[in-house]
C-alpha cells in the first residue's frame, strides 16, 4: 500500500479508504476487533468504549456470526450460566438485551 501512496506514506485518509474498502467487500475482510466494531457501531461510539467493552462486544459478535439464530448464539454464549440455572432461561432475550445496549440487533 505504501508503494501506491503519495510520497510513500500511509496517511489517515488512506487508512480510512482501506477500512471503507474492507466494509464494501464484507465483514469477512475486517481483520481486527476495532475494524469490526467500527463498521457496526461507528467511529464515534467506538471511541467512547473501554477496551474491555470492545473486546467483549467483538467476541459476542464473532459468536453471533457463527450461528444461524439468536437463540443458538445465546445458548453458546451462556452455556455455563445456563447449566447452573434451575428455571427456564431465555438466552435469546438475554443476548438481544446485551446487543441493544450498543444499538445492535
N, C-alpha and C. Protein backbone atom coordinates (compact mmCIF):
# COMPACT_ATOMS: atom_id res chain seq x y z
N UNK A 1 0.82 -1.19 0.00
CA UNK A 1 0.00 0.00 0.00
C UNK A 1 0.87 1.26 0.00
N UNK A 2 1.97 1.24 0.72
CA UNK A 2 2.84 2.41 0.78
C UNK A 2 3.41 2.74 -0.60
N UNK A 3 3.57 1.75 -1.45
CA UNK A 3 4.10 1.96 -2.79
C UNK A 3 3.17 2.86 -3.59
N UNK A 4 1.88 2.70 -3.43
CA UNK A 4 0.90 3.47 -4.19
C UNK A 4 0.52 4.78 -3.51
N UNK A 5 0.94 4.97 -2.28
CA UNK A 5 0.59 6.19 -1.54
C UNK A 5 1.46 7.35 -2.00
N UNK A 6 0.84 8.53 -2.04
CA UNK A 6 1.59 9.72 -2.41
C UNK A 6 2.71 9.96 -1.41
N UNK A 7 3.91 10.10 -1.89
CA UNK A 7 5.05 10.33 -1.00
C UNK A 7 5.50 9.07 -0.27
N UNK A 8 4.91 7.92 -0.57
CA UNK A 8 5.30 6.67 0.06
C UNK A 8 4.84 6.54 1.51
N UNK A 9 3.86 7.34 1.91
CA UNK A 9 3.38 7.31 3.29
C UNK A 9 1.89 6.97 3.33
N UNK A 10 1.54 6.16 4.30
CA UNK A 10 0.13 5.83 4.51
C UNK A 10 -0.44 6.84 5.49
N UNK A 11 -1.38 7.63 5.01
CA UNK A 11 -1.98 8.70 5.81
C UNK A 11 -3.30 8.23 6.40
N UNK A 12 -3.91 9.09 7.20
CA UNK A 12 -5.22 8.78 7.77
C UNK A 12 -6.26 8.59 6.66
N UNK A 13 -6.14 9.38 5.61
CA UNK A 13 -7.09 9.26 4.51
C UNK A 13 -6.98 7.89 3.84
N UNK A 14 -5.77 7.41 3.68
CA UNK A 14 -5.57 6.10 3.07
C UNK A 14 -6.06 5.01 4.00
N UNK A 15 -5.80 5.16 5.29
CA UNK A 15 -6.28 4.19 6.27
C UNK A 15 -7.80 4.14 6.26
N UNK A 16 -8.45 5.30 6.17
CA UNK A 16 -9.91 5.36 6.10
C UNK A 16 -10.41 4.68 4.84
N UNK A 17 -9.70 4.86 3.75
CA UNK A 17 -10.08 4.22 2.49
C UNK A 17 -9.95 2.70 2.59
N UNK A 18 -8.91 2.23 3.26
CA UNK A 18 -8.74 0.78 3.47
C UNK A 18 -9.93 0.22 4.24
N UNK A 19 -10.33 0.90 5.32
CA UNK A 19 -11.49 0.45 6.10
C UNK A 19 -12.76 0.47 5.27
N UNK A 20 -12.92 1.51 4.46
CA UNK A 20 -14.11 1.60 3.61
C UNK A 20 -14.17 0.45 2.62
N UNK A 21 -13.03 0.13 2.03
CA UNK A 21 -12.99 -0.97 1.07
C UNK A 21 -13.25 -2.32 1.74
N UNK A 22 -12.73 -2.48 2.94
CA UNK A 22 -12.99 -3.72 3.68
C UNK A 22 -14.48 -3.87 3.96
N UNK A 23 -15.12 -2.77 4.33
CA UNK A 23 -16.56 -2.82 4.59
C UNK A 23 -17.33 -3.18 3.33
N UNK A 24 -16.90 -2.63 2.19
CA UNK A 24 -17.57 -2.92 0.92
C UNK A 24 -17.42 -4.39 0.53
N UNK A 25 -16.27 -4.97 0.82
CA UNK A 25 -16.04 -6.38 0.50
C UNK A 25 -16.80 -7.29 1.44
N UNK A 26 -17.20 -6.79 2.57
CA UNK A 26 -17.94 -7.59 3.54
C UNK A 26 -17.19 -7.69 4.84
N UNK A 27 -17.88 -8.16 5.85
CA UNK A 27 -17.30 -8.22 7.19
C UNK A 27 -16.20 -9.26 7.30
N UNK A 28 -16.13 -10.21 6.40
CA UNK A 28 -15.07 -11.21 6.42
C UNK A 28 -13.70 -10.57 6.28
N UNK A 29 -13.63 -9.43 5.62
CA UNK A 29 -12.35 -8.79 5.37
C UNK A 29 -11.82 -8.02 6.58
N UNK A 30 -12.68 -7.73 7.53
CA UNK A 30 -12.23 -6.98 8.72
C UNK A 30 -11.27 -7.86 9.51
N UNK A 31 -10.13 -7.31 9.88
CA UNK A 31 -9.11 -8.13 10.50
C UNK A 31 -8.99 -7.96 11.99
N UNK A 32 -9.38 -6.84 12.53
CA UNK A 32 -9.25 -6.65 13.97
C UNK A 32 -10.61 -6.37 14.58
N UNK A 33 -10.68 -6.50 15.90
CA UNK A 33 -11.96 -6.25 16.55
C UNK A 33 -12.39 -4.80 16.37
N UNK A 34 -11.44 -3.87 16.32
CA UNK A 34 -11.81 -2.47 16.11
C UNK A 34 -12.40 -2.23 14.72
N UNK A 35 -11.89 -2.93 13.71
CA UNK A 35 -12.45 -2.80 12.37
C UNK A 35 -13.89 -3.29 12.35
N UNK A 36 -14.12 -4.42 12.99
CA UNK A 36 -15.46 -4.99 13.05
C UNK A 36 -16.42 -4.05 13.77
N UNK A 37 -15.98 -3.58 14.94
CA UNK A 37 -16.85 -2.71 15.74
C UNK A 37 -17.09 -1.37 15.08
N UNK A 38 -16.08 -0.80 14.46
CA UNK A 38 -16.25 0.48 13.79
C UNK A 38 -17.30 0.37 12.68
N UNK A 39 -17.28 -0.74 11.97
CA UNK A 39 -18.26 -0.95 10.90
C UNK A 39 -19.67 -1.06 11.46
N UNK A 40 -19.81 -1.59 12.68
CA UNK A 40 -21.14 -1.81 13.25
C UNK A 40 -21.65 -0.67 14.12
N UNK A 41 -20.80 -0.10 14.96
CA UNK A 41 -21.28 0.92 15.89
C UNK A 41 -20.83 2.33 15.52
N UNK A 42 -19.88 2.44 14.62
CA UNK A 42 -19.39 3.75 14.20
C UNK A 42 -18.17 4.19 14.98
N UNK A 43 -17.41 5.06 14.36
CA UNK A 43 -16.14 5.52 14.92
C UNK A 43 -16.34 6.30 16.21
N UNK A 44 -17.35 7.17 16.25
CA UNK A 44 -17.58 8.00 17.45
C UNK A 44 -17.94 7.14 18.65
N UNK A 45 -18.84 6.21 18.45
CA UNK A 45 -19.25 5.32 19.56
C UNK A 45 -18.10 4.43 20.01
N UNK A 46 -17.30 3.98 19.06
CA UNK A 46 -16.15 3.13 19.38
C UNK A 46 -15.15 3.89 20.24
N UNK A 47 -14.95 5.16 19.94
CA UNK A 47 -14.00 5.98 20.71
C UNK A 47 -14.44 6.14 22.16
N UNK A 48 -15.73 6.03 22.43
CA UNK A 48 -16.26 6.17 23.79
C UNK A 48 -16.19 4.88 24.59
N UNK A 49 -15.90 3.77 23.94
CA UNK A 49 -15.92 2.46 24.61
C UNK A 49 -14.57 2.13 25.23
N UNK A 50 -14.63 1.50 26.42
CA UNK A 50 -13.43 0.98 27.06
C UNK A 50 -12.94 -0.24 26.29
N UNK A 51 -11.67 -0.54 26.42
CA UNK A 51 -11.10 -1.71 25.77
C UNK A 51 -11.83 -2.99 26.20
N UNK A 52 -12.17 -3.09 27.48
CA UNK A 52 -12.89 -4.25 27.99
C UNK A 52 -14.19 -4.45 27.22
N UNK A 53 -14.97 -3.38 27.07
CA UNK A 53 -16.25 -3.46 26.35
C UNK A 53 -16.04 -3.79 24.88
N UNK A 54 -15.00 -3.24 24.28
CA UNK A 54 -14.70 -3.53 22.88
C UNK A 54 -14.42 -5.02 22.68
N UNK A 55 -13.58 -5.57 23.53
CA UNK A 55 -13.21 -6.98 23.39
C UNK A 55 -14.40 -7.89 23.63
N UNK A 56 -15.20 -7.57 24.64
CA UNK A 56 -16.37 -8.38 24.95
C UNK A 56 -17.39 -8.33 23.81
N UNK A 57 -17.65 -7.14 23.29
CA UNK A 57 -18.61 -7.00 22.20
C UNK A 57 -18.10 -7.68 20.93
N UNK A 58 -16.82 -7.53 20.63
CA UNK A 58 -16.26 -8.17 19.43
C UNK A 58 -16.38 -9.69 19.53
N UNK A 59 -16.09 -10.25 20.70
CA UNK A 59 -16.22 -11.70 20.89
C UNK A 59 -17.67 -12.15 20.73
N UNK A 60 -18.59 -11.36 21.27
CA UNK A 60 -20.01 -11.68 21.15
C UNK A 60 -20.45 -11.65 19.69
N UNK A 61 -20.00 -10.65 18.95
CA UNK A 61 -20.35 -10.55 17.53
C UNK A 61 -19.79 -11.73 16.75
N UNK A 62 -18.56 -12.12 17.04
CA UNK A 62 -17.97 -13.27 16.36
C UNK A 62 -18.78 -14.54 16.59
N UNK A 63 -19.26 -14.73 17.82
CA UNK A 63 -20.09 -15.90 18.11
C UNK A 63 -21.41 -15.80 17.35
N UNK A 64 -22.02 -14.63 17.37
CA UNK A 64 -23.30 -14.45 16.67
C UNK A 64 -23.18 -14.75 15.18
N UNK A 65 -22.06 -14.42 14.59
CA UNK A 65 -21.86 -14.66 13.15
C UNK A 65 -21.72 -16.14 12.82
N UNK A 66 -21.35 -16.94 13.80
CA UNK A 66 -21.18 -18.38 13.56
C UNK A 66 -22.49 -19.15 13.60
N UNK A 67 -23.53 -18.56 14.17
CA UNK A 67 -24.79 -19.26 14.35
C UNK A 67 -25.89 -18.63 13.51
N UNK A 68 -26.84 -19.48 13.11
CA UNK A 68 -27.91 -19.02 12.23
C UNK A 68 -28.99 -18.23 12.96
N UNK A 69 -29.11 -18.43 14.27
CA UNK A 69 -30.17 -17.74 15.01
C UNK A 69 -29.62 -17.11 16.29
N UNK A 70 -30.38 -16.17 16.80
CA UNK A 70 -30.03 -15.52 18.05
C UNK A 70 -30.10 -16.52 19.20
N UNK A 71 -31.06 -17.43 19.13
CA UNK A 71 -31.20 -18.46 20.18
C UNK A 71 -29.98 -19.36 20.24
N UNK A 72 -29.50 -19.81 19.10
CA UNK A 72 -28.33 -20.68 19.06
C UNK A 72 -27.09 -19.96 19.57
N UNK A 73 -26.93 -18.71 19.18
CA UNK A 73 -25.79 -17.91 19.65
C UNK A 73 -25.89 -17.70 21.16
N UNK A 74 -27.09 -17.43 21.65
CA UNK A 74 -27.30 -17.25 23.09
C UNK A 74 -26.98 -18.51 23.87
N UNK A 75 -27.39 -19.66 23.35
CA UNK A 75 -27.07 -20.93 24.03
C UNK A 75 -25.57 -21.16 24.11
N UNK A 76 -24.85 -20.79 23.04
CA UNK A 76 -23.39 -20.96 23.04
C UNK A 76 -22.73 -19.98 24.00
N UNK A 77 -23.20 -18.75 24.02
CA UNK A 77 -22.58 -17.73 24.86
C UNK A 77 -22.85 -17.94 26.35
N UNK A 78 -24.03 -18.44 26.69
CA UNK A 78 -24.42 -18.55 28.08
C UNK A 78 -24.51 -20.00 28.55
N UNK A 79 -23.73 -20.88 27.96
CA UNK A 79 -23.81 -22.31 28.27
C UNK A 79 -23.52 -22.61 29.74
N UNK A 80 -22.50 -22.00 30.31
CA UNK A 80 -22.14 -22.29 31.71
C UNK A 80 -23.19 -21.76 32.68
N UNK A 81 -23.63 -20.53 32.48
CA UNK A 81 -24.63 -19.97 33.40
C UNK A 81 -25.97 -20.65 33.22
N UNK A 82 -26.25 -21.14 32.03
CA UNK A 82 -27.49 -21.86 31.77
C UNK A 82 -27.54 -23.17 32.51
N UNK A 83 -26.39 -23.85 32.60
CA UNK A 83 -26.32 -25.13 33.30
C UNK A 83 -26.56 -24.94 34.80
N UNK A 84 -26.17 -23.80 35.34
CA UNK A 84 -26.32 -23.54 36.77
C UNK A 84 -27.74 -23.13 37.15
N UNK A 85 -28.53 -22.67 36.19
CA UNK A 85 -29.89 -22.21 36.49
C UNK A 85 -30.83 -23.41 36.60
N UNK A 86 -31.79 -23.28 37.50
CA UNK A 86 -32.76 -24.36 37.66
C UNK A 86 -34.05 -24.09 36.90
N UNK A 87 -34.35 -22.83 36.69
CA UNK A 87 -35.59 -22.47 35.99
C UNK A 87 -35.36 -22.29 34.51
N UNK A 88 -36.42 -21.88 33.82
CA UNK A 88 -36.30 -21.66 32.37
C UNK A 88 -35.38 -20.47 32.07
N UNK A 89 -34.71 -20.57 30.95
CA UNK A 89 -33.82 -19.49 30.54
C UNK A 89 -34.22 -19.01 29.15
N UNK A 90 -34.00 -17.77 28.90
CA UNK A 90 -34.26 -17.20 27.59
C UNK A 90 -32.97 -16.54 27.12
N UNK A 91 -32.08 -17.35 26.55
CA UNK A 91 -30.78 -16.86 26.15
C UNK A 91 -30.87 -15.85 25.02
N UNK A 92 -31.83 -16.03 24.13
CA UNK A 92 -32.00 -15.10 23.01
C UNK A 92 -32.36 -13.71 23.54
N UNK A 93 -33.25 -13.65 24.51
CA UNK A 93 -33.64 -12.37 25.08
C UNK A 93 -32.47 -11.73 25.82
N UNK A 94 -31.72 -12.52 26.53
CA UNK A 94 -30.54 -12.01 27.25
C UNK A 94 -29.53 -11.43 26.27
N UNK A 95 -29.29 -12.13 25.16
CA UNK A 95 -28.37 -11.66 24.14
C UNK A 95 -28.92 -10.42 23.44
N UNK A 96 -30.22 -10.42 23.15
CA UNK A 96 -30.85 -9.28 22.49
C UNK A 96 -30.70 -8.02 23.35
N UNK A 97 -30.89 -8.15 24.66
CA UNK A 97 -30.75 -7.00 25.57
C UNK A 97 -29.31 -6.50 25.61
N UNK A 98 -28.34 -7.43 25.61
CA UNK A 98 -26.93 -7.03 25.61
C UNK A 98 -26.60 -6.26 24.33
N UNK A 99 -27.01 -6.79 23.19
CA UNK A 99 -26.72 -6.13 21.91
C UNK A 99 -27.43 -4.79 21.79
N UNK A 100 -28.62 -4.68 22.37
CA UNK A 100 -29.36 -3.42 22.27
C UNK A 100 -28.67 -2.29 23.03
N UNK A 101 -27.82 -2.62 24.01
CA UNK A 101 -27.04 -1.57 24.70
C UNK A 101 -26.13 -0.84 23.73
N UNK A 102 -25.80 -1.49 22.62
CA UNK A 102 -24.91 -0.91 21.61
C UNK A 102 -25.68 -0.60 20.33
N UNK A 103 -27.01 -0.58 20.43
CA UNK A 103 -27.89 -0.32 19.27
C UNK A 103 -27.67 -1.33 18.15
N UNK A 104 -27.46 -2.58 18.53
CA UNK A 104 -27.30 -3.67 17.55
C UNK A 104 -28.44 -4.66 17.72
N UNK A 105 -28.77 -5.36 16.65
CA UNK A 105 -29.75 -6.44 16.73
C UNK A 105 -29.33 -7.61 15.88
